[in-house]
Protein backbone atom coordinates (compact mmCIF):
# COMPACT_ATOMS: atom_id res chain seq x y z
CA MET A 1 -55.37 44.85 0.66
CA ALA A 2 -52.05 46.56 0.11
CA ASN A 3 -51.94 47.94 3.58
CA ILE A 4 -52.55 44.64 5.17
CA MET A 5 -49.91 42.99 2.96
CA GLY A 6 -47.47 45.58 3.80
CA SER A 7 -48.27 45.30 7.72
CA LEU A 8 -48.01 41.55 7.40
CA PHE A 9 -44.85 41.10 5.46
CA GLY A 10 -43.24 44.38 5.65
CA ARG A 11 -41.61 44.04 8.82
CA PRO A 12 -38.21 42.25 8.74
CA ASP A 13 -39.34 39.47 11.56
CA THR A 14 -42.41 38.75 9.08
CA GLN A 15 -40.26 38.42 6.14
CA LYS A 16 -37.91 36.15 8.14
CA SER A 17 -40.75 34.00 9.59
CA THR A 18 -42.36 33.72 6.03
CA MET A 19 -38.91 32.65 4.48
CA ASP A 20 -38.72 30.05 7.30
CA THR A 21 -42.25 28.70 6.59
CA ILE A 22 -41.53 28.46 2.91
CA ILE A 23 -38.16 26.58 3.34
CA GLY A 24 -39.86 24.13 5.96
CA LEU A 25 -42.46 23.30 3.44
CA GLN A 26 -39.93 22.70 0.79
CA GLN A 27 -38.06 20.42 3.01
CA GLN A 28 -41.24 18.27 3.60
CA LEU A 29 -41.77 18.09 -0.15
CA ARG A 30 -38.24 16.86 -0.69
CA THR A 31 -39.14 14.26 2.05
CA LEU A 32 -42.57 13.29 0.38
CA LYS A 33 -40.76 12.82 -2.74
CA LYS A 34 -38.19 10.47 -1.34
CA LYS A 35 -40.87 8.30 0.63
CA GLU A 36 -42.98 8.32 -2.77
CA GLN A 37 -39.99 6.74 -4.76
CA PHE A 38 -39.32 4.17 -1.86
CA ILE A 39 -43.10 3.01 -1.93
CA GLN A 40 -43.04 3.08 -5.59
CA THR A 41 -40.09 0.90 -5.40
CA LYS A 42 -41.81 -1.60 -3.35
CA ILE A 43 -45.21 -1.57 -5.46
CA ASP A 44 -43.08 -2.58 -8.36
CA GLU A 45 -41.23 -5.18 -6.37
CA ASP A 46 -44.64 -6.74 -5.22
CA LEU A 47 -46.06 -6.87 -8.61
CA ARG A 48 -43.04 -8.83 -9.89
CA LEU A 49 -43.56 -11.24 -7.12
CA ALA A 50 -47.09 -11.54 -7.97
CA LYS A 51 -46.58 -12.19 -11.55
CA ALA A 52 -43.75 -14.68 -10.57
CA ASN A 53 -45.97 -16.56 -8.21
CA ALA A 54 -49.56 -16.28 -9.98
CA VAL A 55 -49.44 -19.98 -11.37
CA SER A 56 -46.91 -21.82 -9.06
CA ASN A 57 -47.64 -20.21 -5.40
CA LYS A 58 -50.95 -18.34 -5.41
CA PRO A 59 -51.27 -17.56 -1.70
CA ARG A 60 -47.70 -15.91 -1.94
CA ALA A 61 -48.95 -14.07 -5.09
CA THR A 62 -52.21 -12.92 -3.40
CA ALA A 63 -50.12 -11.56 -0.51
CA ALA A 64 -47.90 -9.44 -2.86
CA LEU A 65 -51.09 -7.94 -4.44
CA LYS A 66 -52.43 -7.19 -0.95
CA ARG A 67 -49.16 -5.18 -0.07
CA LYS A 68 -49.02 -3.62 -3.53
CA ARG A 69 -52.64 -2.35 -2.84
CA THR A 70 -52.00 -0.98 0.47
CA ASN A 71 -48.89 0.71 -0.83
CA GLU A 72 -50.53 2.20 -3.70
CA THR A 73 -53.68 3.51 -1.41
CA GLN A 74 -50.44 5.34 0.77
CA LEU A 75 -48.62 6.53 -2.51
CA GLU A 76 -52.11 8.32 -3.42
CA HIS A 77 -52.42 9.88 0.10
CA MET A 78 -49.09 10.99 -0.26
CA ARG A 79 -49.44 12.66 -3.41
CA GLY A 80 -52.28 14.31 -2.06
CA GLN A 81 -50.24 15.77 0.68
CA GLN A 82 -47.58 16.87 -1.92
CA VAL A 83 -50.26 18.63 -3.73
CA GLN A 84 -51.07 20.52 -0.62
CA LEU A 85 -47.93 21.48 -0.01
CA GLU A 86 -47.16 22.75 -3.21
CA MET A 87 -50.21 25.13 -3.09
CA HIS A 88 -49.29 26.34 0.37
CA VAL A 89 -45.51 27.22 -1.06
CA ASN A 90 -46.85 28.86 -4.32
CA THR A 91 -49.21 31.08 -2.14
CA LEU A 92 -46.85 32.05 0.41
CA GLU A 93 -44.15 32.77 -2.37
CA LEU A 94 -46.78 34.80 -4.31
CA ALA A 95 -47.83 36.59 -1.11
CA LYS A 96 -44.29 37.51 -0.44
CA LEU A 97 -43.64 38.82 -3.86
CA ASN A 98 -46.92 40.78 -3.66
CA ALA A 99 -45.68 42.47 -0.13
CA GLU A 100 -42.19 43.09 -1.91
CA MET A 101 -43.84 44.96 -4.59
CA VAL A 102 -45.76 46.81 -2.45
CA ALA A 103 -42.79 47.85 -0.22
CA ALA A 104 -41.03 48.93 -3.49
CA ILE A 105 -43.81 50.94 -4.32
CA ARG A 106 -44.27 52.48 -1.11
CA LYS A 107 -40.33 53.44 -1.01
CA ALA A 108 -40.76 55.03 -4.60
CA ALA A 109 -43.77 57.19 -3.33
CA ASP A 110 -41.83 58.10 -0.36
CA ALA A 111 -38.79 59.23 -2.43
CA LEU A 112 -41.30 61.33 -4.93
CA LYS A 113 -42.85 63.19 -1.99
CA LYS A 114 -39.39 63.94 -0.59
CA ILE A 115 -38.17 65.15 -4.19
CA GLN A 116 -41.31 67.30 -4.40
CA SER A 117 -41.01 68.64 -0.62
CA ALA A 118 -37.44 69.54 -1.25
CA SER A 119 -37.86 71.31 -4.81
CA GLY A 120 -41.38 72.86 -3.79
CA MET A 121 -43.02 71.50 -6.66
CA SER A 122 -46.78 71.65 -6.72
CA LEU A 123 -49.24 72.20 -9.61
CA ALA A 124 -49.55 75.74 -8.69
CA ALA A 125 -46.00 76.12 -8.89
CA VAL A 126 -45.72 74.49 -12.31
CA ASP A 127 -48.22 76.75 -13.53
CA GLU A 128 -46.59 79.75 -12.29
CA THR A 129 -43.02 78.44 -13.79
CA ILE A 130 -44.23 77.10 -17.19
CA PRO A 131 -45.07 80.77 -18.64
CA GLU A 132 -41.53 82.02 -17.15
CA ILE A 133 -39.70 79.16 -19.02
CA VAL A 134 -41.46 79.99 -22.31
CA GLU A 135 -40.88 84.08 -21.97
CA TRP A 136 -36.95 83.17 -21.33
CA ASN A 137 -36.71 80.73 -24.22
CA GLU A 138 -38.04 83.53 -26.34
CA VAL A 139 -35.51 85.83 -24.68
CA ALA A 140 -32.82 83.34 -25.68
CA THR A 141 -33.90 82.94 -29.24
CA GLU A 142 -33.94 86.37 -29.93
CA ILE A 143 -30.33 86.76 -28.35
CA VAL A 144 -29.03 83.97 -30.51
CA GLN A 145 -30.58 85.62 -33.54
CA LEU A 146 -28.80 88.77 -32.64
CA ILE A 147 -25.61 87.10 -32.32
CA SER A 148 -25.93 85.24 -35.31
CA ASN A 149 -26.88 88.39 -37.39
CA PRO A 150 -24.86 91.37 -36.47
CA VAL A 151 -25.90 94.79 -36.62
CA GLY A 152 -25.47 95.62 -40.39
CA ALA A 153 -24.70 92.51 -41.87
CA SER A 154 -27.99 92.81 -44.17
CA ASP A 155 -26.74 96.04 -45.42
CA MET A 156 -23.48 95.07 -46.24
CA VAL A 157 -24.95 92.26 -48.11
CA GLY A 158 -27.25 94.45 -50.00
CA ASP A 159 -23.91 96.78 -50.81
CA GLU A 160 -22.40 94.00 -52.23
CA LEU A 161 -25.15 92.51 -54.31
CA GLN A 162 -25.86 96.09 -55.61
CA ARG A 163 -22.13 96.37 -56.63
CA GLU A 164 -22.06 92.91 -57.99
CA LEU A 165 -25.13 93.81 -60.19
CA GLU A 166 -23.43 96.95 -61.51
CA GLU A 167 -20.40 94.81 -62.68
CA LEU A 168 -22.77 92.31 -64.33
CA LYS A 169 -24.53 95.28 -66.23
CA ASP A 170 -21.17 96.70 -67.46
CA GLU A 171 -20.53 93.12 -68.61
CA VAL A 172 -23.58 92.70 -70.65
CA LEU A 173 -23.21 96.11 -72.22
CA SER A 174 -19.71 95.15 -73.12
CA GLU A 175 -20.55 92.10 -74.71
CA ARG A 176 -23.43 93.58 -76.57
CA LEU A 177 -21.13 96.11 -78.11
CA LYS A 178 -18.51 93.48 -79.03
CA GLY A 179 -21.44 91.32 -80.59
CA ALA A 180 -22.60 94.17 -82.44
CA ASP A 181 -19.04 94.49 -84.04
CA ARG A 182 -18.98 90.75 -84.97
CA VAL A 183 -22.72 90.54 -86.58
CA PRO A 184 -22.03 88.24 -89.77
CA LEU A 185 -23.93 89.45 -93.12
CA GLU A 186 -25.06 86.24 -94.17
CA ASN A 187 -28.26 85.64 -91.85
CA PRO A 188 -28.87 89.07 -90.02
CA VAL A 189 -32.14 88.22 -89.30
CA GLY A 190 -31.38 85.02 -87.33
CA ASP A 191 -28.54 86.63 -85.68
CA VAL A 192 -30.76 89.62 -84.46
CA ARG A 193 -33.31 87.25 -83.27
CA GLY A 194 -30.56 85.17 -81.34
CA GLY A 195 -29.21 88.61 -79.93
CA LEU A 196 -32.88 89.47 -78.66
CA VAL A 197 -32.78 86.08 -77.03
CA ALA A 198 -29.44 86.45 -75.35
CA ALA A 199 -30.53 89.88 -74.16
CA ALA A 200 -33.65 88.73 -72.67
CA GLU A 201 -31.80 86.01 -70.83
CA ASP A 202 -29.36 88.49 -69.69
CA GLU A 203 -32.36 90.86 -68.38
CA GLU A 204 -33.75 87.79 -66.56
CA GLU A 205 -30.26 87.29 -64.78
CA VAL A 206 -30.36 91.17 -64.13
CA ALA A 207 -33.87 90.94 -62.55
CA LEU A 208 -32.94 88.02 -60.53
CA CYS A 209 -30.10 89.95 -58.94
CA GLN A 210 -32.18 92.96 -58.44
CA LEU A 211 -34.75 90.74 -56.37
CA GLN A 212 -32.03 89.13 -54.55
CA ALA A 213 -30.63 92.81 -53.61
CA GLU A 214 -34.00 93.94 -52.55
CA MET A 215 -34.34 90.87 -50.19
CA TYR A 216 -31.32 91.68 -48.21
CA MET A 217 -32.03 95.66 -48.02
């Protein structure tokens, strides 16, 4: 069906002929509508005359009614013609639209074929290329990691943490010695307990620093 429509409406001369036909049918529709309005005016006039002479002049009223009926028959016939013309116009416009869509799809398919031919792209080529892309992505990731983490950086961080840990130990021991000199005599048990709690907290901090240092070693 698509091939038939493409062959019928794809050629420029066929497209022009189709447009000319549609324009001609639309002109006929406009002519019919004008005639319809004219006949409707005559029908209204005959009806007015029939009413005006229904009592005083029956022959004239009867003649007006006959003309009215004749014009009504003609009007119905013209309306039927109008419906047929509208159907033809709609059919041609739809066929033209479908043909244009088929032509656009065909152009897109041709363009895609040209792109694939120019790039040498095929299913087999894609299957071969994807593993290479994955491999190069892995290499690029490793390169980024090496650049972001220079050689010896982790050792430097571990050494710094170790020095910081030693400094903390010295501070803790100094504070303990100072605290021992200032122990009040009123509540020795409570102060000793508090000192043990503080020592436990200090040991937790020291353990945390040691753990961090081990992570970077």
